[in-house]
Amino acid sequence: MALPTTLTRPLRQIVWPLVCLLPIVLTGCDLFHFNLLRPDRDAGTVGAPAALPNKNQQRVSQFVFIADSELGQYQPLFTELGHMREDLVTLLKLPNPTALVNVYLFEDREHYERFMRARYPDLPLRRAFFVAQPRGMGGSDDLLVFTFRGEHLRQDLRHELTHAVLHSVLKDVPLWLDEGLAEYFELPREVHGVNRPHLAQMLREGFHPDLSRLEMFTQVQQMNPAEYRESWAWVHLMLHSQPESRQALTDYLKQLRTTSSPGPIQPKLKNCFPDPNEALIAHLAKL
């Protein structure tokens, strides 16, 4: 999840789920530019404060990875994350991001959770967070990602760094789109954005999309795992159904470079599909 001023994802396992607002800029919320915290994954225990990793660092593209252990073991993952950034920028036709993103890799979950509890005591504990933290009056935000070594590291970094790239070049990102794109790009390149677990869950539960409802959400607390799945589905529809829908998405993102209030995207999709909700159902059926 993103805390960025962003609050990050659901409990999808998610969680960019609900969160709380800290006195840091919440990006994407209501009237103030406050750091929005969108926590991102499941949690655990709490303890005494822990220091940030600081012994080793390596820059890959705009990402600066910082850890106490040697970073050579992560090289294949770092290379993949650099490619993911390139894919994201190219596919979404974004300007080349230049803002640095500091990525703190804790050695284990215990030290990570101790730090997060001490630094952000009002947040629920999740596996990873993206935070856009204001430096001061009128200054740009520090873009930060916190996580730990574990079996979900690849997925979590792909998800959180998607948030970081988007927030480094856009004024803001509507909550549902922010999470939908992060859900899409957290998947390995070879699956082409198809989330099989999401599809299976939709099939089991029945799926009734409602984009107008999704576009009303402004805080992570309003989203549950079903909304994260639907957000992913809309992104996949726009990127993989027809050239016109992909263009609608990239045009919308272009607006977000200069304004944080571009209005809803649904009217743009109605120029592509007579009924966007029915189009989404048909698209998922083909998958």
C-alpha atoms as a PDB file:
ATOM      1  CA  MET A   1       0.000   0.000   0.000  1.00  0.00           C
ATOM      2  CA  ALA A   2       0.977   3.359  -0.419  1.00  0.00           C
ATOM      3  CA  LEU A   3       1.046   5.679   2.281  1.00  0.00           C
ATOM      4  CA  PRO A   4       1.912   8.472   0.220  1.00  0.00           C
ATOM      5  CA  THR A   5       0.383  10.653   0.538  1.00  0.00           C
ATOM      6  CA  THR A   6      -1.030   7.807  -0.734  1.00  0.00           C
ATOM      7  CA  LEU A   7      -2.759   5.325   1.129  1.00  0.00           C
ATOM      8  CA  THR A   8      -2.115   2.052  -0.380  1.00  0.00           C
ATOM      9  CA  ARG A   9      -3.906  -1.040  -1.127  1.00  0.00           C
ATOM     10  CA  PRO A  10      -6.176  -3.527   0.211  1.00  0.00           C
ATOM     11  CA  LEU A  11      -6.089  -6.383   2.064  1.00  0.00           C
ATOM     12  CA  ARG A  12      -6.219  -8.249  -0.890  1.00  0.00           C
ATOM     13  CA  GLN A  13      -4.629  -9.905   0.942  1.00  0.00           C
ATOM     14  CA  ILE A  14      -4.206  -6.971   0.317  1.00  0.00           C
ATOM     15  CA  VAL A  15      -4.366  -4.243   1.986  1.00  0.00           C
ATOM     16  CA  TRP A  16      -3.763  -1.194   0.802  1.00  0.00           C
ATOM     17  CA  PRO A  17      -6.651  -1.192   2.939  1.00  0.00           C
ATOM     18  CA  LEU A  18      -7.689   1.100   5.201  1.00  0.00           C
ATOM     19  CA  VAL A  19      -5.722   3.271   6.912  1.00  0.00           C
ATOM     20  CA  CYS A  20      -5.264   6.228   8.823  1.00  0.00           C
ATOM     21  CA  LEU A  21      -4.069   9.620   8.054  1.00  0.00           C
ATOM     22  CA  LEU A  22      -0.842  10.787   9.444  1.00  0.00           C
ATOM     23  CA  PRO A  23       0.283  14.356   9.514  1.00  0.00           C
ATOM     24  CA  ILE A  24       2.229  13.769   6.398  1.00  0.00           C
ATOM     25  CA  VAL A  25       0.722  14.491   3.057  1.00  0.00           C
ATOM     26  CA  LEU A  26      -2.054  12.461   2.037  1.00  0.00           C
ATOM     27  CA  THR A  27      -2.113  12.327  -1.611  1.00  0.00           C
ATOM     28  CA  GLY A  28      -5.301  11.499  -2.960  1.00  0.00           C
ATOM     29  CA  CYS A  29      -7.741  12.525  -0.434  1.00  0.00           C
ATOM     30  CA  ASP A  30     -10.296  15.190   0.035  1.00  0.00           C
ATOM     31  CA  LEU A  31      -9.330  18.842   0.397  1.00  0.00           C
ATOM     32  CA  PHE A  32      -5.829  18.602   1.744  1.00  0.00           C
ATOM     33  CA  HIS A  33      -2.636  17.456   0.178  1.00  0.00           C
ATOM     34  CA  PHE A  34      -1.774  15.155   3.007  1.00  0.00           C
ATOM     35  CA  ASN A  35       0.270  12.079   2.997  1.00  0.00           C
ATOM     36  CA  LEU A  36      -2.124   9.412   2.370  1.00  0.00           C
ATOM     37  CA  LEU A  37      -1.348   6.171   3.845  1.00  0.00           C
ATOM     38  CA  ARG A  38      -2.433   3.167   2.011  1.00  0.00           C
ATOM     39  CA  PRO A  39      -1.003   0.195   3.813  1.00  0.00           C
ATOM     40  CA  ASP A  40      -0.449  -2.826   1.801  1.00  0.00           C
ATOM     41  CA  ARG A  41      -0.392  -6.317   3.185  1.00  0.00           C
ATOM     42  CA  ASP A  42      -0.909  -8.458   6.211  1.00  0.00           C
ATOM     43  CA  ALA A  43       0.503  -7.811   9.573  1.00  0.00           C
ATOM     44  CA  GLY A  44       2.067  -9.217  12.715  1.00  0.00           C
ATOM     45  CA  THR A  45       3.495  -8.199  16.031  1.00  0.00           C
ATOM     46  CA  VAL A  46       4.878  -5.049  17.494  1.00  0.00           C
ATOM     47  CA  GLY A  47       8.055  -4.332  19.400  1.00  0.00           C
ATOM     48  CA  ALA A  48      10.655  -1.729  20.269  1.00  0.00           C
ATOM     49  CA  PRO A  49      11.818   0.734  17.636  1.00  0.00           C
ATOM     50  CA  ALA A  50      14.210  -0.488  14.946  1.00  0.00           C
ATOM     51  CA  ALA A  51      16.591   1.539  12.814  1.00  0.00           C
ATOM     52  CA  LEU A  52      16.294   1.887   9.056  1.00  0.00           C
ATOM     53  CA  PRO A  53      18.653  -0.296   6.993  1.00  0.00           C
ATOM     54  CA  ASN A  54      21.670   1.810   5.944  1.00  0.00           C
ATOM     55  CA  LYS A  55      24.775  -0.307   5.346  1.00  0.00           C
ATOM     56  CA  ASN A  56      24.491  -0.989   1.633  1.00  0.00           C
ATOM     57  CA  GLN A  57      22.753   0.711  -1.244  1.00  0.00           C
ATOM     58  CA  GLN A  58      22.429   0.314  -4.987  1.00  0.00           C
ATOM     59  CA  ARG A  59      20.706   2.503  -7.537  1.00  0.00           C
ATOM     60  CA  VAL A  60      18.750   0.908 -10.371  1.00  0.00           C
ATOM     61  CA  SER A  61      17.021   3.405 -12.635  1.00  0.00           C
ATOM     62  CA  GLN A  62      15.164   5.788 -10.307  1.00  0.00           C
ATOM     63  CA  PHE A  63      15.128   3.264  -7.451  1.00  0.00           C
ATOM     64  CA  VAL A  64      17.712   3.339  -4.645  1.00  0.00           C
ATOM     65  CA  PHE A  65      17.659   0.021  -2.768  1.00  0.00           C
ATOM     66  CA  ILE A  66      18.976   0.202   0.791  1.00  0.00           C
ATOM     67  CA  ALA A  67      19.645  -2.805   3.047  1.00  0.00           C
ATOM     68  CA  ASP A  68      21.952  -3.999   5.792  1.00  0.00           C
ATOM     69  CA  SER A  69      22.777  -7.242   3.968  1.00  0.00           C
ATOM     70  CA  GLU A  70      24.765  -7.505   0.746  1.00  0.00           C
ATOM     71  CA  LEU A  71      22.656  -6.536  -2.243  1.00  0.00           C
ATOM     72  CA  GLY A  72      24.245  -8.872  -4.781  1.00  0.00           C
ATOM     73  CA  GLN A  73      21.665 -11.551  -3.980  1.00  0.00           C
ATOM     74  CA  TYR A  74      18.921  -9.201  -5.191  1.00  0.00           C
ATOM     75  CA  GLN A  75      20.489  -8.368  -8.539  1.00  0.00           C
ATOM     76  CA  PRO A  76      18.082 -10.440 -10.700  1.00  0.00           C
ATOM     77  CA  LEU A  77      15.124  -8.863  -8.897  1.00  0.00           C
ATOM     78  CA  PHE A  78      16.545  -5.346  -9.232  1.00  0.00           C
ATOM     79  CA  THR A  79      17.042  -5.889 -12.959  1.00  0.00           C
ATOM     80  CA  GLU A  80      13.452  -7.100 -13.278  1.00  0.00           C
ATOM     81  CA  LEU A  81      12.147  -4.066 -11.400  1.00  0.00           C
ATOM     82  CA  GLY A  82      14.054  -1.778 -13.737  1.00  0.00           C
ATOM     83  CA  HIS A  83      12.397  -3.523 -16.696  1.00  0.00           C
ATOM     84  CA  MET A  84       9.006  -3.249 -14.978  1.00  0.00           C
ATOM     85  CA  ARG A  85       9.472   0.508 -14.702  1.00  0.00           C
ATOM     86  CA  GLU A  86      10.297   0.701 -18.400  1.00  0.00           C
ATOM     87  CA  ASP A  87       7.244  -1.402 -19.271  1.00  0.00           C
ATOM     88  CA  LEU A  88       4.995   0.788 -17.142  1.00  0.00           C
ATOM     89  CA  VAL A  89       6.289   4.049 -18.598  1.00  0.00           C
ATOM     90  CA  THR A  90       6.089   2.743 -22.167  1.00  0.00           C
ATOM     91  CA  LEU A  91       2.689   1.081 -21.933  1.00  0.00           C
ATOM     92  CA  LEU A  92       1.055   4.025 -20.177  1.00  0.00           C
ATOM     93  CA  LYS A  93       2.919   6.648 -22.258  1.00  0.00           C
ATOM     94  CA  LEU A  94       4.233   8.423 -19.174  1.00  0.00           C
ATOM     95  CA  PRO A  95       7.075  10.943 -19.154  1.00  0.00           C
ATOM     96  CA  ASN A  96      10.408   9.556 -18.008  1.00  0.00           C
ATOM     97  CA  PRO A  97      10.423   9.683 -14.180  1.00  0.00           C
ATOM     98  CA  THR A  98      13.477  11.243 -12.587  1.00  0.00           C
ATOM     99  CA  ALA A  99      12.526  11.504  -8.902  1.00  0.00           C
ATOM    100  CA  LEU A 100      14.434   9.039  -6.752  1.00  0.00           C
ATOM    101  CA  VAL A 101      12.556   6.398  -4.774  1.00  0.00           C
ATOM    102  CA  ASN A 102      14.307   5.092  -1.648  1.00  0.00           C
ATOM    103  CA  VAL A 103      13.467   1.425  -1.093  1.00  0.00           C
ATOM    104  CA  TYR A 104      14.290   0.151   2.419  1.00  0.00           C
ATOM    105  CA  LEU A 105      14.692  -3.628   2.637  1.00  0.00           C
ATOM    106  CA  PHE A 106      14.608  -4.859   6.215  1.00  0.00           C
ATOM    107  CA  GLU A 107      16.267  -8.174   7.022  1.00  0.00           C
ATOM    108  CA  ASP A 108      13.134  -9.726   8.488  1.00  0.00           C
ATOM    109  CA  ARG A 109       9.536  -9.021   9.325  1.00  0.00           C
ATOM    110  CA  GLU A 110      10.222  -8.399  13.000  1.00  0.00           C
ATOM    111  CA  HIS A 111      12.580  -5.466  12.409  1.00  0.00           C
ATOM    112  CA  TYR A 112      10.344  -4.066   9.686  1.00  0.00           C
ATOM    113  CA  GLU A 113       7.265  -4.125  11.918  1.00  0.00           C
ATOM    114  CA  ARG A 114       9.118  -2.616  14.858  1.00  0.00           C
ATOM    115  CA  PHE A 115      10.199   0.298  12.678  1.00  0.00           C
ATOM    116  CA  MET A 116       6.773   0.834  11.143  1.00  0.00           C
ATOM    117  CA  ARG A 117       5.055   0.737  14.522  1.00  0.00           C
ATOM    118  CA  ALA A 118       7.477   3.309  15.906  1.00  0.00           C
ATOM    119  CA  ARG A 119       7.501   5.593  12.843  1.00  0.00           C
ATOM    120  CA  TYR A 120       3.850   5.244  11.805  1.00  0.00           C
ATOM    121  CA  PRO A 121       2.059   4.086  14.968  1.00  0.00           C
ATOM    122  CA  ASP A 122      -1.449   4.700  13.645  1.00  0.00           C
ATOM    123  CA  LEU A 123      -1.073   2.391  10.660  1.00  0.00           C
ATOM    124  CA  PRO A 124      -2.105  -1.235  10.603  1.00  0.00           C
ATOM    125  CA  LEU A 125       0.856  -3.495   9.943  1.00  0.00           C
ATOM    126  CA  ARG A 126       1.159  -4.697   6.366  1.00  0.00           C
ATOM    127  CA  ARG A 127       3.873  -6.408   4.360  1.00  0.00           C
ATOM    128  CA  ALA A 128       4.880  -3.281   2.463  1.00  0.00           C
ATOM    129  CA  PHE A 129       4.130   0.420   2.187  1.00  0.00           C
ATOM    130  CA  PHE A 130       4.698   3.212  -0.279  1.00  0.00           C
ATOM    131  CA  VAL A 131       4.920   6.656   1.316  1.00  0.00           C
ATOM    132  CA  ALA A 132       5.080  10.046  -0.360  1.00  0.00           C
ATOM    133  CA  GLN A 133       6.313  12.187   2.495  1.00  0.00           C
ATOM    134  CA  PRO A 134       6.435  15.975   2.121  1.00  0.00           C
ATOM    135  CA  ARG A 135       9.777  17.617   2.770  1.00  0.00           C
ATOM    136  CA  GLY A 136       8.348  20.998   3.722  1.00  0.00           C
ATOM    137  CA  MET A 137       6.396  23.977   2.481  1.00  0.00           C
ATOM    138  CA  GLY A 138       6.319  23.862  -1.301  1.00  0.00           C
ATOM    139  CA  GLY A 139       8.957  21.139  -1.537  1.00  0.00           C
ATOM    140  CA  SER A 140       8.612  17.921  -3.476  1.00  0.00           C
ATOM    141  CA  ASP A 141       7.794  14.710  -1.647  1.00  0.00           C
ATOM    142  CA  ASP A 142      10.283  12.092  -0.535  1.00  0.00           C
ATOM    143  CA  LEU A 143       9.190   8.841  -2.204  1.00  0.00           C
ATOM    144  CA  LEU A 144       9.764   5.909   0.145  1.00  0.00           C
ATOM    145  CA  VAL A 145       9.040   2.195   0.087  1.00  0.00           C
ATOM    146  CA  PHE A 146       9.379  -0.019   3.174  1.00  0.00           C
ATOM    147  CA  THR A 147       9.310  -3.818   3.144  1.00  0.00           C
ATOM    148  CA  PHE A 148      11.280  -6.883   4.264  1.00  0.00           C
ATOM    149  CA  ARG A 149      12.889 -10.008   2.862  1.00  0.00           C
ATOM    150  CA  GLY A 150      10.277 -12.727   2.471  1.00  0.00           C
ATOM    151  CA  GLU A 151       8.448 -14.959   0.039  1.00  0.00           C
ATOM    152  CA  HIS A 152       6.278 -12.091  -1.263  1.00  0.00           C
ATOM    153  CA  LEU A 153       9.132  -9.626  -1.809  1.00  0.00           C
ATOM    154  CA  ARG A 154       8.939  -9.706  -5.608  1.00  0.00           C
ATOM    155  CA  GLN A 155       5.179  -9.124  -5.709  1.00  0.00           C
ATOM    156  CA  ASP A 156       5.250  -6.487  -2.990  1.00  0.00           C
ATOM    157  CA  LEU A 157       8.056  -4.475  -4.613  1.00  0.00           C
ATOM    158  CA  ARG A 158       6.430  -4.590  -8.038  1.00  0.00           C
ATOM    159  CA  HIS A 159       3.175  -3.337  -6.491  1.00  0.00           C
ATOM    160  CA  GLU A 160       4.659  -0.573  -4.344  1.00  0.00           C
ATOM    161  CA  LEU A 161       7.098   0.642  -6.979  1.00  0.00           C
ATOM    162  CA  THR A 162       4.196   0.958  -9.407  1.00  0.00           C
ATOM    163  CA  HIS A 163       2.644   3.411  -6.947  1.00  0.00           C
ATOM    164  CA  ALA A 164       5.979   5.193  -6.627  1.00  0.00           C
ATOM    165  CA  VAL A 165       6.478   5.609 -10.385  1.00  0.00           C
ATOM    166  CA  LEU A 166       2.927   6.873 -10.893  1.00  0.00           C
ATOM    167  CA  HIS A 167       3.198   9.393  -8.070  1.00  0.00           C
ATOM    168  CA  SER A 168       6.577  10.596  -9.316  1.00  0.00           C
ATOM    169  CA  VAL A 169       5.112  11.868 -12.599  1.00  0.00           C
ATOM    170  CA  LEU A 170       1.400  12.513 -11.929  1.00  0.00           C
ATOM    171  CA  LYS A 171      -0.303  15.171  -9.817  1.00  0.00           C
ATOM    172  CA  ASP A 172      -2.459  12.505  -8.244  1.00  0.00           C
ATOM    173  CA  VAL A 173      -4.076   9.191  -9.142  1.00  0.00           C
ATOM    174  CA  PRO A 174      -7.700   8.261  -8.349  1.00  0.00           C
ATOM    175  CA  LEU A 175      -7.662   5.568  -5.693  1.00  0.00           C
ATOM    176  CA  TRP A 176      -9.275   2.830  -7.790  1.00  0.00           C
ATOM    177  CA  LEU A 177      -6.896   3.466 -10.715  1.00  0.00           C
ATOM    178  CA  ASP A 178      -3.837   3.684  -8.481  1.00  0.00           C
ATOM    179  CA  GLU A 179      -4.642   0.279  -7.012  1.00  0.00           C
ATOM    180  CA  GLY A 180      -5.785  -1.227 -10.284  1.00  0.00           C
ATOM    181  CA  LEU A 181      -2.511  -0.357 -11.996  1.00  0.00           C
ATOM    182  CA  ALA A 182      -0.478  -1.615  -9.031  1.00  0.00           C
ATOM    183  CA  GLU A 183      -2.443  -4.887  -9.088  1.00  0.00           C
ATOM    184  CA  TYR A 184      -1.735  -5.168 -12.811  1.00  0.00           C
ATOM    185  CA  PHE A 185       2.001  -4.466 -12.698  1.00  0.00           C
ATOM    186  CA  GLU A 186       2.683  -6.533  -9.577  1.00  0.00           C
ATOM    187  CA  LEU A 187       2.322  -9.565 -11.845  1.00  0.00           C
ATOM    188  CA  PRO A 188       5.312 -10.933 -13.804  1.00  0.00           C
ATOM    189  CA  ARG A 189       5.632  -9.641 -17.367  1.00  0.00           C
ATOM    190  CA  GLU A 190       4.999 -13.089 -18.870  1.00  0.00           C
ATOM    191  CA  VAL A 191       1.386 -13.325 -17.620  1.00  0.00           C
ATOM    192  CA  HIS A 192       0.376 -10.124 -19.456  1.00  0.00           C
ATOM    193  CA  GLY A 193      -1.483  -8.722 -16.472  1.00  0.00           C
ATOM    194  CA  VAL A 194      -3.841 -11.693 -16.103  1.00  0.00           C
ATOM    195  CA  ASN A 195      -4.476 -12.349 -12.411  1.00  0.00           C
ATOM    196  CA  ARG A 196      -5.797 -15.919 -12.251  1.00  0.00           C
ATOM    197  CA  PRO A 197      -6.622 -15.836  -8.512  1.00  0.00           C
ATOM    198  CA  HIS A 198      -8.680 -12.666  -9.056  1.00  0.00           C
ATOM    199  CA  LEU A 199     -10.552 -14.289 -11.939  1.00  0.00           C
ATOM    200  CA  ALA A 200     -11.255 -17.431  -9.923  1.00  0.00           C
ATOM    201  CA  GLN A 201     -12.564 -15.404  -6.982  1.00  0.00           C
ATOM    202  CA  MET A 202     -14.838 -13.370  -9.259  1.00  0.00           C
ATOM    203  CA  LEU A 203     -16.212 -16.572 -10.739  1.00  0.00           C
ATOM    204  CA  ARG A 204     -16.909 -18.041  -7.309  1.00  0.00           C
ATOM    205  CA  GLU A 205     -18.569 -14.904  -5.936  1.00  0.00           C
ATOM    206  CA  GLY A 206     -20.300 -13.626  -9.052  1.00  0.00           C
ATOM    207  CA  PHE A 207     -19.217 -10.317 -10.494  1.00  0.00           C
ATOM    208  CA  HIS A 208     -21.303  -7.180 -10.930  1.00  0.00           C
ATOM    209  CA  PRO A 209     -19.049  -4.292 -11.976  1.00  0.00           C
ATOM    210  CA  ASP A 210     -19.969  -0.728 -11.175  1.00  0.00           C
ATOM    211  CA  LEU A 211     -17.330   1.754 -12.310  1.00  0.00           C
ATOM    212  CA  SER A 212     -19.317   4.799 -11.220  1.00  0.00           C
ATOM    213  CA  ARG A 213     -19.327   3.471  -7.647  1.00  0.00           C
ATOM    214  CA  LEU A 214     -15.621   2.650  -7.785  1.00  0.00           C
ATOM    215  CA  GLU A 215     -14.797   6.174  -8.939  1.00  0.00           C
ATOM    216  CA  MET A 216     -16.455   7.627  -5.850  1.00  0.00           C
ATOM    217  CA  PHE A 217     -13.903   6.079  -3.481  1.00  0.00           C
ATOM    218  CA  THR A 218     -11.321   8.483  -2.091  1.00  0.00           C
ATOM    219  CA  GLN A 219      -9.992   6.592   0.929  1.00  0.00           C
ATOM    220  CA  VAL A 220      -8.619   3.118   1.222  1.00  0.00           C
ATOM    221  CA  GLN A 221     -10.992   2.352   4.050  1.00  0.00           C
ATOM    222  CA  GLN A 222     -13.762   2.333   1.469  1.00  0.00           C
ATOM    223  CA  MET A 223     -12.186  -0.452  -0.547  1.00  0.00           C
ATOM    224  CA  ASN A 224     -12.265  -4.162   0.247  1.00  0.00           C
ATOM    225  CA  PRO A 225     -10.667  -7.061  -1.679  1.00  0.00           C
ATOM    226  CA  ALA A 226     -13.551  -7.162  -4.161  1.00  0.00           C
ATOM    227  CA  GLU A 227     -12.901  -3.521  -5.107  1.00  0.00           C
ATOM    228  CA  TYR A 228      -9.227  -4.280  -5.652  1.00  0.00           C
ATOM    229  CA  ARG A 229     -10.135  -7.119  -7.976  1.00  0.00           C
ATOM    230  CA  GLU A 230     -12.556  -4.921  -9.876  1.00  0.00           C
ATOM    231  CA  SER A 231      -9.959  -2.152 -10.165  1.00  0.00           C
ATOM    232  CA  TRP A 232      -7.512  -4.633 -11.676  1.00  0.00           C
ATOM    233  CA  ALA A 233     -10.218  -5.857 -14.084  1.00  0.00           C
ATOM    234  CA  TRP A 234     -10.961  -2.344 -15.408  1.00  0.00           C
ATOM    235  CA  VAL A 235      -7.269  -1.734 -16.030  1.00  0.00           C
ATOM    236  CA  HIS A 236      -6.956  -5.024 -17.893  1.00  0.00           C
ATOM    237  CA  LEU A 237     -10.016  -4.207 -20.010  1.00  0.00           C
ATOM    238  CA  MET A 238      -8.646  -0.810 -20.988  1.00  0.00           C
ATOM    239  CA  LEU A 239      -5.192  -2.137 -21.835  1.00  0.00           C
ATOM    240  CA  HIS A 240      -6.140  -5.347 -23.633  1.00  0.00           C
ATOM    241  CA  SER A 241      -9.567  -5.075 -25.253  1.00  0.00           C
ATOM    242  CA  GLN A 242      -9.195  -2.499 -28.042  1.00  0.00           C
ATOM    243  CA  PRO A 243      -6.896   0.365 -29.097  1.00  0.00           C
ATOM    244  CA  GLU A 244      -9.574   2.964 -28.309  1.00  0.00           C
ATOM    245  CA  SER A 245      -9.863   1.916 -24.656  1.00  0.00           C
ATOM    246  CA  ARG A 246      -6.082   1.922 -24.214  1.00  0.00           C
ATOM    247  CA  GLN A 247      -6.006   5.404 -25.717  1.00  0.00           C
ATOM    248  CA  ALA A 248      -8.745   6.508 -23.311  1.00  0.00           C
ATOM    249  CA  LEU A 249      -6.594   5.366 -20.394  1.00  0.00           C
ATOM    250  CA  THR A 250      -3.381   6.992 -21.610  1.00  0.00           C
ATOM    251  CA  ASP A 251      -5.257  10.233 -22.381  1.00  0.00           C
ATOM    252  CA  TYR A 252      -6.680  10.201 -18.849  1.00  0.00           C
ATOM    253  CA  LEU A 253      -3.215   9.676 -17.360  1.00  0.00           C
ATOM    254  CA  LYS A 254      -1.947  12.551 -19.484  1.00  0.00           C
ATOM    255  CA  GLN A 255      -4.565  14.787 -17.863  1.00  0.00           C
ATOM    256  CA  LEU A 256      -3.330  13.653 -14.462  1.00  0.00           C
ATOM    257  CA  ARG A 257       0.100  15.073 -15.229  1.00  0.00           C
ATOM    258  CA  THR A 258      -1.301  18.592 -14.913  1.00  0.00           C
ATOM    259  CA  THR A 259      -4.404  18.236 -12.737  1.00  0.00           C
ATOM    260  CA  SER A 260      -5.427  16.146  -9.763  1.00  0.00           C
ATOM    261  CA  SER A 261      -9.116  16.492 -10.699  1.00  0.00           C
ATOM    262  CA  PRO A 262      -9.653  15.256 -14.261  1.00  0.00           C
ATOM    263  CA  GLY A 263     -13.185  14.053 -13.544  1.00  0.00           C
ATOM    264  CA  PRO A 264     -14.448  10.476 -13.964  1.00  0.00           C
ATOM    265  CA  ILE A 265     -13.098   8.201 -16.656  1.00  0.00           C
ATOM    266  CA  GLN A 266     -16.429   6.482 -17.316  1.00  0.00           C
ATOM    267  CA  PRO A 267     -17.644   9.021 -19.953  1.00  0.00           C
ATOM    268  CA  LYS A 268     -14.448   8.357 -21.913  1.00  0.00           C
ATOM    269  CA  LEU A 269     -15.064   4.616 -21.811  1.00  0.00           C
ATOM    270  CA  LYS A 270     -18.618   5.083 -23.061  1.00  0.00           C
ATOM    271  CA  ASN A 271     -17.045   6.387 -26.259  1.00  0.00           C
ATOM    272  CA  CYS A 272     -15.365   2.984 -26.557  1.00  0.00           C
ATOM    273  CA  PHE A 273     -18.124   0.660 -25.316  1.00  0.00           C
ATOM    274  CA  PRO A 274     -21.928   1.093 -25.465  1.00  0.00           C
ATOM    275  CA  ASP A 275     -22.059  -0.321 -21.916  1.00  0.00           C
ATOM    276  CA  PRO A 276     -18.672  -0.426 -20.140  1.00  0.00           C
ATOM    277  CA  ASN A 277     -19.926  -2.716 -17.381  1.00  0.00           C
ATOM    278  CA  GLU A 278     -21.176  -5.288 -19.888  1.00  0.00           C
ATOM    279  CA  ALA A 279     -17.947  -4.919 -21.856  1.00  0.00           C
ATOM    280  CA  LEU A 280     -15.938  -5.755 -18.743  1.00  0.00           C
ATOM    281  CA  ILE A 281     -17.966  -8.892 -18.052  1.00  0.00           C
ATOM    282  CA  ALA A 282     -17.506 -10.050 -21.641  1.00  0.00           C
ATOM    283  CA  HIS A 283     -13.781  -9.292 -21.531  1.00  0.00           C
ATOM    284  CA  LEU A 284     -13.223 -11.335 -18.365  1.00  0.00           C
ATOM    285  CA  ALA A 285     -15.203 -14.222 -19.849  1.00  0.00           C
ATOM    286  CA  LYS A 286     -12.714 -14.369 -22.729  1.00  0.00           C
ATOM    287  CA  LEU A 287      -9.842 -14.679 -20.291  1.00  0.00           C
END
